[in-house]
């Protein structure tokens, strides 16, 4: 079978859905390649800064690597701005959605809200509120998000910083995105309710 016969999902057969599941498994296995390609595309995104969004992401990931952060944090930093091109008004949420099946609830929350926390450094210059992050003051991960932005985001626009190249991180990307970290039914049930 090259393609299913149905034109409406309600008319699909078990055989067709089994065929599609096999193709979907193959497609999921190629996720790291697509993510690496999306990172490379950040090399020519949003202009005006002294470094590209790719270099910004590499600087953050390199700093985290040198700080001996775990792989989850390094990957979260590397991909925290992956939504910039397609979701300029909600890039944090898009990046968090990409990472969601692979990271802890804490890291998911930090990435989802990092855009608001990053505003602390500039919003007062652009008509916004630098303290917008205070709406999250009761979160158990409030301080973690502050540290994330302070150590691995706001300071990663330095053209003189010697970051590791993307190829250095490729084996880590392949390992990290090989399969979702949630492997038991209880965790998967929670995933559906986030």
N, C-alpha and C. Protein backbone atom coordinates (compact mmCIF):
# COMPACT_ATOMS: atom_id res chain seq x y z
N UNK A 1 0.86 -1.18 0.00
CA UNK A 1 0.00 0.00 0.00
C UNK A 1 0.90 1.24 0.00
N UNK A 2 0.64 2.16 -0.94
CA UNK A 2 1.38 3.42 -0.99
C UNK A 2 0.63 4.53 -0.28
N UNK A 3 -0.69 4.48 -0.37
CA UNK A 3 -1.56 5.48 0.24
C UNK A 3 -2.84 4.78 0.70
N UNK A 4 -3.48 5.38 1.65
CA UNK A 4 -4.78 4.86 2.09
C UNK A 4 -5.83 5.17 1.02
N UNK A 5 -6.93 4.46 1.06
CA UNK A 5 -8.01 4.69 0.10
C UNK A 5 -9.04 5.70 0.59
N UNK A 6 -9.14 5.87 1.91
CA UNK A 6 -10.21 6.72 2.42
C UNK A 6 -9.95 8.22 2.17
N UNK A 7 -11.05 8.94 2.06
CA UNK A 7 -11.00 10.39 1.92
C UNK A 7 -11.64 11.07 3.13
N UNK A 8 -12.18 10.26 4.00
CA UNK A 8 -12.75 10.72 5.26
C UNK A 8 -12.29 9.74 6.33
N UNK A 9 -11.75 10.23 7.43
CA UNK A 9 -11.15 9.35 8.43
C UNK A 9 -12.12 8.31 8.98
N UNK A 10 -13.40 8.67 9.03
CA UNK A 10 -14.37 7.72 9.57
C UNK A 10 -14.50 6.47 8.71
N UNK A 11 -14.01 6.52 7.48
CA UNK A 11 -14.09 5.38 6.58
C UNK A 11 -12.81 4.56 6.50
N UNK A 12 -11.81 4.92 7.32
CA UNK A 12 -10.55 4.18 7.31
C UNK A 12 -10.70 2.79 7.90
N UNK A 13 -9.80 1.89 7.49
CA UNK A 13 -9.82 0.52 8.00
C UNK A 13 -8.65 0.31 8.97
N UNK A 14 -8.71 -0.78 9.72
CA UNK A 14 -7.63 -1.12 10.65
C UNK A 14 -6.31 -1.28 9.89
N UNK A 15 -6.37 -1.88 8.73
CA UNK A 15 -5.17 -2.07 7.92
C UNK A 15 -4.57 -0.72 7.50
N UNK A 16 -5.43 0.21 7.10
CA UNK A 16 -4.94 1.52 6.68
C UNK A 16 -4.33 2.29 7.86
N UNK A 17 -4.97 2.20 9.01
CA UNK A 17 -4.43 2.91 10.17
C UNK A 17 -3.15 2.27 10.67
N UNK A 18 -3.01 0.97 10.53
CA UNK A 18 -1.75 0.30 10.86
C UNK A 18 -0.64 0.78 9.93
N UNK A 19 -0.96 0.87 8.65
CA UNK A 19 -0.02 1.40 7.65
C UNK A 19 0.41 2.82 8.02
N UNK A 20 -0.55 3.68 8.36
CA UNK A 20 -0.24 5.06 8.71
C UNK A 20 0.58 5.15 10.00
N UNK A 21 0.30 4.26 10.96
CA UNK A 21 1.09 4.23 12.20
C UNK A 21 2.56 3.95 11.91
N UNK A 22 2.81 3.03 11.01
CA UNK A 22 4.19 2.71 10.64
C UNK A 22 4.88 3.93 10.03
N UNK A 23 4.18 4.62 9.14
CA UNK A 23 4.75 5.82 8.53
C UNK A 23 4.96 6.92 9.56
N UNK A 24 4.03 7.05 10.50
CA UNK A 24 4.17 8.07 11.54
C UNK A 24 5.36 7.77 12.44
N UNK A 25 5.59 6.51 12.76
CA UNK A 25 6.75 6.14 13.57
C UNK A 25 8.05 6.53 12.87
N UNK A 26 8.09 6.32 11.56
CA UNK A 26 9.27 6.70 10.79
C UNK A 26 9.44 8.23 10.79
N UNK A 27 8.34 8.94 10.67
CA UNK A 27 8.37 10.40 10.67
C UNK A 27 8.85 10.93 12.02
N UNK A 28 8.35 10.35 13.11
CA UNK A 28 8.78 10.76 14.44
C UNK A 28 10.27 10.52 14.64
N UNK A 29 10.78 9.43 14.10
CA UNK A 29 12.20 9.12 14.24
C UNK A 29 13.09 10.17 13.60
N UNK A 30 12.55 10.91 12.62
CA UNK A 30 13.31 11.97 11.95
C UNK A 30 13.16 13.33 12.61
N UNK A 31 12.48 13.39 13.75
CA UNK A 31 12.30 14.67 14.44
C UNK A 31 13.62 15.37 14.72
N UNK A 32 14.65 14.71 15.22
CA UNK A 32 15.90 15.44 15.47
C UNK A 32 16.44 16.14 14.23
N UNK A 33 16.34 15.50 13.07
CA UNK A 33 16.82 16.14 11.83
C UNK A 33 16.04 17.42 11.52
N UNK A 34 14.71 17.35 11.72
CA UNK A 34 13.90 18.53 11.44
C UNK A 34 14.18 19.65 12.44
N UNK A 35 14.42 19.28 13.69
CA UNK A 35 14.73 20.29 14.70
C UNK A 35 16.08 20.95 14.42
N UNK A 36 17.05 20.18 14.02
CA UNK A 36 18.36 20.74 13.68
C UNK A 36 18.23 21.67 12.49
N UNK A 37 17.43 21.30 11.52
CA UNK A 37 17.18 22.17 10.36
C UNK A 37 16.51 23.48 10.80
N UNK A 38 15.56 23.39 11.71
CA UNK A 38 14.89 24.60 12.21
C UNK A 38 15.88 25.49 12.96
N UNK A 39 16.80 24.89 13.70
CA UNK A 39 17.83 25.69 14.36
C UNK A 39 18.69 26.41 13.33
N UNK A 40 19.09 25.69 12.29
CA UNK A 40 19.92 26.32 11.25
C UNK A 40 19.19 27.51 10.62
N UNK A 41 17.88 27.40 10.48
CA UNK A 41 17.10 28.50 9.91
C UNK A 41 17.14 29.75 10.78
N UNK A 42 17.41 29.59 12.07
CA UNK A 42 17.51 30.74 12.96
C UNK A 42 18.74 31.60 12.66
N UNK A 43 19.61 31.08 11.82
CA UNK A 43 20.79 31.86 11.44
C UNK A 43 20.43 33.07 10.59
N UNK A 44 19.26 33.03 9.97
CA UNK A 44 18.85 34.16 9.12
C UNK A 44 17.50 34.73 9.55
N UNK A 45 17.18 34.60 10.82
CA UNK A 45 15.91 35.14 11.30
C UNK A 45 16.13 36.55 11.86
N UNK A 46 15.24 37.01 12.66
CA UNK A 46 15.21 38.34 13.27
C UNK A 46 16.55 39.07 13.25
N UNK A 47 16.60 40.20 12.57
CA UNK A 47 17.85 40.95 12.44
C UNK A 47 17.90 42.09 13.45
N UNK A 48 19.02 42.79 13.47
CA UNK A 48 19.20 43.95 14.33
C UNK A 48 20.07 43.68 15.54
N UNK A 49 20.14 42.46 15.98
CA UNK A 49 21.02 42.10 17.10
C UNK A 49 22.44 41.89 16.57
N UNK A 50 23.40 41.83 17.47
CA UNK A 50 24.79 41.62 17.05
C UNK A 50 25.06 40.18 16.65
N UNK A 51 24.17 39.28 17.03
CA UNK A 51 24.32 37.87 16.65
C UNK A 51 22.97 37.37 16.13
N UNK A 52 23.02 36.29 15.38
CA UNK A 52 21.79 35.67 14.88
C UNK A 52 21.09 34.95 16.03
N UNK A 53 19.84 34.57 15.81
CA UNK A 53 19.11 33.79 16.81
C UNK A 53 19.78 32.43 17.02
N UNK A 54 20.36 31.87 15.96
CA UNK A 54 21.09 30.62 16.12
C UNK A 54 22.27 30.82 17.05
N UNK A 55 23.07 31.84 16.79
CA UNK A 55 24.23 32.10 17.66
C UNK A 55 23.79 32.39 19.08
N UNK A 56 22.71 33.12 19.25
CA UNK A 56 22.15 33.38 20.59
C UNK A 56 21.84 32.06 21.30
N UNK A 57 21.20 31.14 20.59
CA UNK A 57 20.85 29.84 21.17
C UNK A 57 22.09 29.02 21.47
N UNK A 58 23.06 29.05 20.58
CA UNK A 58 24.31 28.32 20.81
C UNK A 58 25.07 28.88 22.00
N UNK A 59 25.05 30.21 22.16
CA UNK A 59 25.73 30.81 23.32
C UNK A 59 25.10 30.34 24.62
N UNK A 60 23.78 30.34 24.67
CA UNK A 60 23.10 29.89 25.88
C UNK A 60 23.39 28.44 26.18
N UNK A 61 23.32 27.60 25.15
CA UNK A 61 23.57 26.17 25.34
C UNK A 61 25.03 25.91 25.73
N UNK A 62 25.94 26.68 25.16
CA UNK A 62 27.35 26.54 25.50
C UNK A 62 27.59 26.94 26.95
N UNK A 63 27.00 28.04 27.37
CA UNK A 63 27.14 28.47 28.77
C UNK A 63 26.60 27.38 29.71
N UNK A 64 25.47 26.81 29.36
CA UNK A 64 24.88 25.75 30.19
C UNK A 64 25.77 24.51 30.19
N UNK A 65 26.34 24.18 29.06
CA UNK A 65 27.25 23.04 28.97
C UNK A 65 28.46 23.26 29.89
N UNK A 66 29.06 24.44 29.81
CA UNK A 66 30.21 24.75 30.66
C UNK A 66 29.85 24.79 32.14
N UNK A 67 28.59 25.13 32.43
CA UNK A 67 28.12 25.16 33.83
C UNK A 67 27.74 23.76 34.32
N UNK A 68 27.91 22.76 33.44
CA UNK A 68 27.60 21.36 33.76
C UNK A 68 26.12 21.13 34.08
N UNK A 69 25.27 21.88 33.38
CA UNK A 69 23.83 21.65 33.49
C UNK A 69 23.52 20.30 32.86
N UNK A 70 22.38 19.73 33.21
CA UNK A 70 22.02 18.44 32.61
C UNK A 70 21.53 18.63 31.18
N UNK A 71 21.42 17.51 30.47
CA UNK A 71 21.06 17.55 29.05
C UNK A 71 19.70 18.20 28.82
N UNK A 72 18.76 17.99 29.73
CA UNK A 72 17.44 18.58 29.58
C UNK A 72 17.52 20.11 29.51
N UNK A 73 18.30 20.70 30.38
CA UNK A 73 18.45 22.17 30.39
C UNK A 73 19.19 22.64 29.15
N UNK A 74 20.25 21.95 28.78
CA UNK A 74 21.01 22.34 27.59
C UNK A 74 20.11 22.32 26.36
N UNK A 75 19.30 21.29 26.21
CA UNK A 75 18.40 21.21 25.06
C UNK A 75 17.31 22.28 25.14
N UNK A 76 16.80 22.53 26.32
CA UNK A 76 15.77 23.56 26.48
C UNK A 76 16.32 24.92 26.07
N UNK A 77 17.55 25.20 26.45
CA UNK A 77 18.16 26.48 26.08
C UNK A 77 18.42 26.52 24.58
N UNK A 78 18.93 25.45 24.05
CA UNK A 78 19.23 25.42 22.61
C UNK A 78 17.97 25.68 21.78
N UNK A 79 16.83 25.19 22.25
CA UNK A 79 15.59 25.29 21.47
C UNK A 79 14.61 26.34 22.00
N UNK A 80 15.00 27.15 22.98
CA UNK A 80 14.04 28.06 23.62
C UNK A 80 13.46 29.10 22.67
N UNK A 81 14.15 29.44 21.60
CA UNK A 81 13.65 30.43 20.64
C UNK A 81 13.27 29.82 19.30
N UNK A 82 13.07 28.52 19.26
CA UNK A 82 12.76 27.83 18.01
C UNK A 82 11.45 28.33 17.39
N UNK A 83 10.60 28.94 18.19
CA UNK A 83 9.32 29.45 17.68
C UNK A 83 9.39 30.83 17.07
N UNK A 84 10.54 31.47 17.09
CA UNK A 84 10.65 32.86 16.62
C UNK A 84 10.12 33.09 15.21
N UNK A 85 10.44 32.17 14.30
CA UNK A 85 10.07 32.41 12.90
C UNK A 85 8.57 32.26 12.64
N UNK A 86 7.96 31.26 13.22
CA UNK A 86 6.55 30.98 12.92
C UNK A 86 5.58 31.54 13.95
N UNK A 87 6.07 31.87 15.12
CA UNK A 87 5.19 32.36 16.18
C UNK A 87 5.82 33.57 16.88
N UNK A 88 6.01 34.68 16.15
CA UNK A 88 6.68 35.82 16.76
C UNK A 88 5.90 36.44 17.92
N UNK A 89 4.62 36.18 18.01
CA UNK A 89 3.81 36.72 19.11
C UNK A 89 3.66 35.73 20.26
N UNK A 90 4.09 34.50 20.04
CA UNK A 90 3.96 33.47 21.08
C UNK A 90 5.08 32.44 20.96
N UNK A 91 6.28 32.91 20.69
CA UNK A 91 7.39 31.99 20.44
C UNK A 91 7.70 31.10 21.63
N UNK A 92 7.52 31.62 22.85
CA UNK A 92 7.80 30.82 24.04
C UNK A 92 6.88 29.62 24.11
N UNK A 93 5.61 29.84 23.84
CA UNK A 93 4.64 28.74 23.89
C UNK A 93 4.91 27.70 22.82
N UNK A 94 5.32 28.16 21.64
CA UNK A 94 5.62 27.21 20.57
C UNK A 94 6.83 26.36 20.94
N UNK A 95 7.88 27.00 21.43
CA UNK A 95 9.08 26.25 21.84
C UNK A 95 8.73 25.25 22.94
N UNK A 96 7.93 25.70 23.90
CA UNK A 96 7.53 24.81 25.00
C UNK A 96 6.75 23.61 24.47
N UNK A 97 5.90 23.83 23.49
CA UNK A 97 5.11 22.74 22.92
C UNK A 97 6.00 21.71 22.22
N UNK A 98 7.03 22.19 21.53
CA UNK A 98 7.96 21.27 20.88
C UNK A 98 8.68 20.43 21.93
N UNK A 99 9.08 21.06 23.02
CA UNK A 99 9.85 20.38 24.07
C UNK A 99 9.00 19.53 25.01
N UNK A 100 7.74 19.83 25.11
CA UNK A 100 6.84 19.26 26.14
C UNK A 100 6.98 17.75 26.36
N UNK A 101 6.97 16.91 25.33
CA UNK A 101 7.04 15.47 25.59
C UNK A 101 8.41 14.99 26.10
N UNK A 102 9.42 15.86 26.03
CA UNK A 102 10.79 15.44 26.32
C UNK A 102 11.36 16.02 27.61
N UNK A 103 10.66 16.97 28.19
CA UNK A 103 11.20 17.65 29.37
C UNK A 103 10.27 17.52 30.56
N UNK A 104 10.79 17.86 31.72
CA UNK A 104 10.00 17.85 32.95
C UNK A 104 8.96 18.96 32.92
N UNK A 105 8.00 18.87 33.79
CA UNK A 105 6.98 19.91 33.92
C UNK A 105 7.64 21.26 34.22
N UNK A 106 8.64 21.24 35.07
CA UNK A 106 9.36 22.46 35.44
C UNK A 106 9.99 23.14 34.22
N UNK A 107 10.73 22.39 33.44
CA UNK A 107 11.41 22.96 32.27
C UNK A 107 10.39 23.41 31.23
N UNK A 108 9.34 22.63 31.05
CA UNK A 108 8.27 23.04 30.14
C UNK A 108 7.71 24.40 30.56
N UNK A 109 7.45 24.58 31.86
CA UNK A 109 6.89 25.83 32.38
C UNK A 109 7.86 26.99 32.17
N UNK A 110 9.13 26.77 32.42
CA UNK A 110 10.12 27.83 32.24
C UNK A 110 10.17 28.28 30.79
N UNK A 111 10.23 27.33 29.87
CA UNK A 111 10.30 27.70 28.45
C UNK A 111 9.01 28.38 28.01
N UNK A 112 7.89 27.89 28.46
CA UNK A 112 6.60 28.48 28.08
C UNK A 112 6.49 29.94 28.50
N UNK A 113 7.10 30.29 29.62
CA UNK A 113 6.97 31.65 30.15
C UNK A 113 8.23 32.49 30.04
N UNK A 114 9.29 31.97 29.43
CA UNK A 114 10.54 32.72 29.43
C UNK A 114 10.44 34.07 28.73
N UNK A 115 9.56 34.19 27.75
CA UNK A 115 9.39 35.47 27.06
C UNK A 115 8.94 36.57 28.01
N UNK A 116 8.04 36.25 28.92
CA UNK A 116 7.58 37.22 29.92
C UNK A 116 8.71 37.55 30.89
N UNK A 117 9.45 36.56 31.31
CA UNK A 117 10.56 36.78 32.24
C UNK A 117 11.68 37.58 31.59
N UNK A 118 11.89 37.38 30.31
CA UNK A 118 12.94 38.11 29.59
C UNK A 118 12.58 39.60 29.47
N UNK A 119 11.30 39.93 29.52
CA UNK A 119 10.87 41.33 29.42
C UNK A 119 11.45 42.19 30.53
N UNK A 120 11.84 41.58 31.63
CA UNK A 120 12.43 42.30 32.75
C UNK A 120 13.60 43.18 32.30
N UNK A 121 14.30 42.74 31.28
CA UNK A 121 15.50 43.42 30.83
C UNK A 121 15.25 44.54 29.82
N UNK A 122 14.07 44.61 29.22
CA UNK A 122 13.88 45.60 28.18
C UNK A 122 12.50 46.27 28.11
N UNK A 123 11.49 45.68 28.69
CA UNK A 123 10.11 46.16 28.45
C UNK A 123 9.92 47.61 28.83
N UNK A 124 10.59 48.10 29.85
CA UNK A 124 10.44 49.48 30.28
C UNK A 124 10.98 50.47 29.24
N UNK A 125 11.77 49.98 28.27
CA UNK A 125 12.25 50.83 27.18
C UNK A 125 11.32 50.82 25.97
N UNK A 126 10.39 49.89 25.96
CA UNK A 126 9.53 49.74 24.78
C UNK A 126 8.05 49.93 25.09
N UNK A 127 7.76 50.55 26.23
CA UNK A 127 6.38 50.82 26.59
C UNK A 127 5.69 49.70 27.34
N UNK A 128 6.44 48.67 27.72
CA UNK A 128 5.86 47.55 28.45
C UNK A 128 6.19 47.63 29.94
N UNK A 129 5.93 46.55 30.62
CA UNK A 129 6.16 46.49 32.06
C UNK A 129 7.26 45.48 32.37
N UNK A 130 8.37 45.96 32.87
CA UNK A 130 9.49 45.07 33.16
C UNK A 130 9.16 44.04 34.23
N UNK A 131 8.20 44.35 35.08
CA UNK A 131 7.83 43.44 36.16
C UNK A 131 6.65 42.55 35.81
N UNK A 132 6.38 42.35 34.53
CA UNK A 132 5.26 41.50 34.11
C UNK A 132 5.40 40.09 34.66
N UNK A 133 6.62 39.66 34.90
CA UNK A 133 6.85 38.31 35.43
C UNK A 133 6.25 38.11 36.82
N UNK A 134 5.93 39.20 37.49
CA UNK A 134 5.38 39.10 38.85
C UNK A 134 4.04 38.36 38.90
N UNK A 135 3.34 38.27 37.78
CA UNK A 135 2.08 37.51 37.77
C UNK A 135 2.34 36.04 38.08
N UNK A 136 3.59 35.61 37.94
CA UNK A 136 3.96 34.22 38.20
C UNK A 136 4.69 34.04 39.53
N UNK A 137 4.67 35.05 40.38
CA UNK A 137 5.44 35.03 41.63
C UNK A 137 5.09 33.85 42.53
N UNK A 138 3.89 33.32 42.42
CA UNK A 138 3.49 32.19 43.27
C UNK A 138 3.88 30.83 42.69
N UNK A 139 4.45 30.82 41.51
CA UNK A 139 4.84 29.55 40.90
C UNK A 139 6.05 28.96 41.63
N UNK A 140 6.07 27.65 41.78
CA UNK A 140 7.26 27.03 42.39
C UNK A 140 8.51 27.19 41.52
N UNK A 141 8.33 27.56 40.26
CA UNK A 141 9.47 27.67 39.34
C UNK A 141 9.79 29.12 38.96
N UNK A 142 9.22 30.06 39.70
CA UNK A 142 9.45 31.48 39.45
C UNK A 142 10.95 31.81 39.48
N UNK A 143 11.63 31.46 40.54
CA UNK A 143 13.06 31.76 40.67
C UNK A 143 13.88 31.01 39.62
N UNK A 144 13.46 29.80 39.28
CA UNK A 144 14.17 29.05 38.23
C UNK A 144 14.08 29.76 36.89
N UNK A 145 12.93 30.34 36.59
CA UNK A 145 12.76 31.07 35.33
C UNK A 145 13.61 32.34 35.33
N UNK A 146 13.68 33.00 36.47
CA UNK A 146 14.55 34.18 36.57
C UNK A 146 15.99 33.79 36.29
N UNK A 147 16.45 32.71 36.90
CA UNK A 147 17.83 32.25 36.71
C UNK A 147 18.07 31.81 35.27
N UNK A 148 17.10 31.13 34.68
CA UNK A 148 17.22 30.70 33.29
C UNK A 148 17.50 31.91 32.39
N UNK A 149 16.68 32.93 32.53
CA UNK A 149 16.84 34.12 31.68
C UNK A 149 18.12 34.87 31.99
N UNK A 150 18.45 34.96 33.26
CA UNK A 150 19.64 35.72 33.65
C UNK A 150 20.93 35.04 33.19
N UNK A 151 21.02 33.72 33.35
CA UNK A 151 22.26 33.01 33.05
C UNK A 151 22.39 32.55 31.61
N UNK A 152 21.24 32.31 30.93
CA UNK A 152 21.32 31.65 29.63
C UNK A 152 20.52 32.32 28.51
N UNK A 153 19.97 33.50 28.74
CA UNK A 153 19.18 34.14 27.70
C UNK A 153 19.59 35.60 27.51
N UNK A 154 19.38 36.45 28.50
CA UNK A 154 19.62 37.89 28.34
C UNK A 154 21.08 38.24 28.04
N UNK A 155 22.00 37.39 28.39
CA UNK A 155 23.43 37.66 28.23
C UNK A 155 24.06 36.95 27.03
N UNK A 156 23.26 36.45 26.13
CA UNK A 156 23.77 35.63 25.03
C UNK A 156 23.63 36.31 23.67
N UNK A 157 24.07 37.56 23.63
CA UNK A 157 24.04 38.34 22.39
C UNK A 157 25.43 38.91 22.09
N UNK A 158 26.46 38.23 22.55
CA UNK A 158 27.84 38.73 22.51
C UNK A 158 28.58 38.17 21.29
N UNK A 159 28.93 39.03 20.32
CA UNK A 159 29.63 38.53 19.13
C UNK A 159 31.04 38.03 19.43
N UNK A 160 31.57 38.34 20.60
CA UNK A 160 32.92 37.90 20.97
C UNK A 160 32.92 36.57 21.72
N UNK A 161 31.74 36.12 22.14
CA UNK A 161 31.67 34.88 22.91
C UNK A 161 31.97 33.68 22.00
N UNK A 162 32.78 32.76 22.48
CA UNK A 162 33.14 31.58 21.69
C UNK A 162 32.21 30.42 22.04
N UNK A 163 31.14 30.35 21.31
CA UNK A 163 30.18 29.27 21.55
C UNK A 163 30.60 28.02 20.79
N UNK A 164 30.10 26.89 21.26
CA UNK A 164 30.31 25.64 20.54
C UNK A 164 29.47 25.71 19.26
N UNK A 165 29.94 25.09 18.17
CA UNK A 165 29.16 25.09 16.93
C UNK A 165 27.95 24.15 17.06
N UNK A 166 27.00 24.33 16.19
CA UNK A 166 25.81 23.48 16.19
C UNK A 166 26.19 22.00 16.09
N UNK A 167 27.18 21.67 15.27
CA UNK A 167 27.58 20.27 15.12
C UNK A 167 28.01 19.63 16.44
N UNK A 168 28.51 20.43 17.37
CA UNK A 168 28.88 19.91 18.69
C UNK A 168 27.64 19.38 19.42
N UNK A 169 26.51 20.05 19.22
CA UNK A 169 25.28 19.69 19.93
C UNK A 169 24.45 18.62 19.21
N UNK A 170 24.74 18.36 17.94
CA UNK A 170 23.93 17.41 17.16
C UNK A 170 23.82 16.04 17.83
N UNK A 171 24.91 15.43 18.31
CA UNK A 171 24.74 14.13 18.98
C UNK A 171 23.84 14.22 20.22
N UNK A 172 23.90 15.33 20.93
CA UNK A 172 23.03 15.52 22.09
C UNK A 172 21.58 15.63 21.66
N UNK A 173 21.33 16.36 20.58
CA UNK A 173 19.97 16.51 20.04
C UNK A 173 19.44 15.13 19.65
N UNK A 174 20.25 14.37 18.93
CA UNK A 174 19.82 13.03 18.50
C UNK A 174 19.49 12.14 19.69
N UNK A 175 20.30 12.19 20.71
CA UNK A 175 20.07 11.37 21.90
C UNK A 175 18.82 11.84 22.65
N UNK A 176 18.72 13.14 22.85
CA UNK A 176 17.64 13.69 23.67
C UNK A 176 16.27 13.49 23.04
N UNK A 177 16.19 13.68 21.74
CA UNK A 177 14.90 13.59 21.05
C UNK A 177 14.63 12.21 20.45
N UNK A 178 15.39 11.21 20.89
CA UNK A 178 15.18 9.85 20.37
C UNK A 178 13.80 9.32 20.73
N UNK A 179 13.32 9.70 21.91
CA UNK A 179 11.97 9.28 22.30
C UNK A 179 11.52 10.13 23.48
N UNK A 180 10.22 10.33 23.62
CA UNK A 180 9.72 11.12 24.76
C UNK A 180 10.12 10.49 26.09
N UNK A 181 10.32 11.33 27.08
CA UNK A 181 10.75 10.84 28.39
C UNK A 181 9.60 10.19 29.15
N UNK A 182 8.37 10.47 28.76
CA UNK A 182 7.23 9.91 29.47
C UNK A 182 6.97 8.51 28.94
N UNK A 183 7.24 7.53 29.76
CA UNK A 183 7.10 6.18 29.26
C UNK A 183 6.14 5.31 30.07
N UNK A 184 5.48 5.87 31.06
CA UNK A 184 4.47 5.07 31.75
C UNK A 184 3.10 5.71 31.58
N UNK A 185 2.08 4.92 31.73
CA UNK A 185 0.72 5.38 31.42
C UNK A 185 0.28 6.53 32.33
N UNK A 186 0.73 6.55 33.57
CA UNK A 186 0.34 7.64 34.46
C UNK A 186 0.90 8.97 33.96
N UNK A 187 2.16 8.97 33.57
CA UNK A 187 2.78 10.18 33.04
C UNK A 187 2.11 10.60 31.73
N UNK A 188 1.81 9.65 30.88
CA UNK A 188 1.15 9.97 29.62
C UNK A 188 -0.25 10.55 29.87
N UNK A 189 -0.93 10.05 30.88
CA UNK A 189 -2.24 10.60 31.21
C UNK A 189 -2.11 12.05 31.65
N UNK A 190 -1.09 12.34 32.45
CA UNK A 190 -0.86 13.73 32.88
C UNK A 190 -0.52 14.60 31.70
N UNK A 191 0.24 14.06 30.73
CA UNK A 191 0.62 14.81 29.54
C UNK A 191 -0.62 15.33 28.81
N UNK A 192 -1.61 14.52 28.71
CA UNK A 192 -2.82 14.91 28.02
C UNK A 192 -3.59 15.99 28.73
N UNK A 193 -3.31 16.18 30.02
CA UNK A 193 -4.05 17.17 30.82
C UNK A 193 -3.27 18.44 31.12
N UNK A 194 -2.11 18.62 30.54
CA UNK A 194 -1.32 19.82 30.83
C UNK A 194 -1.88 21.03 30.18
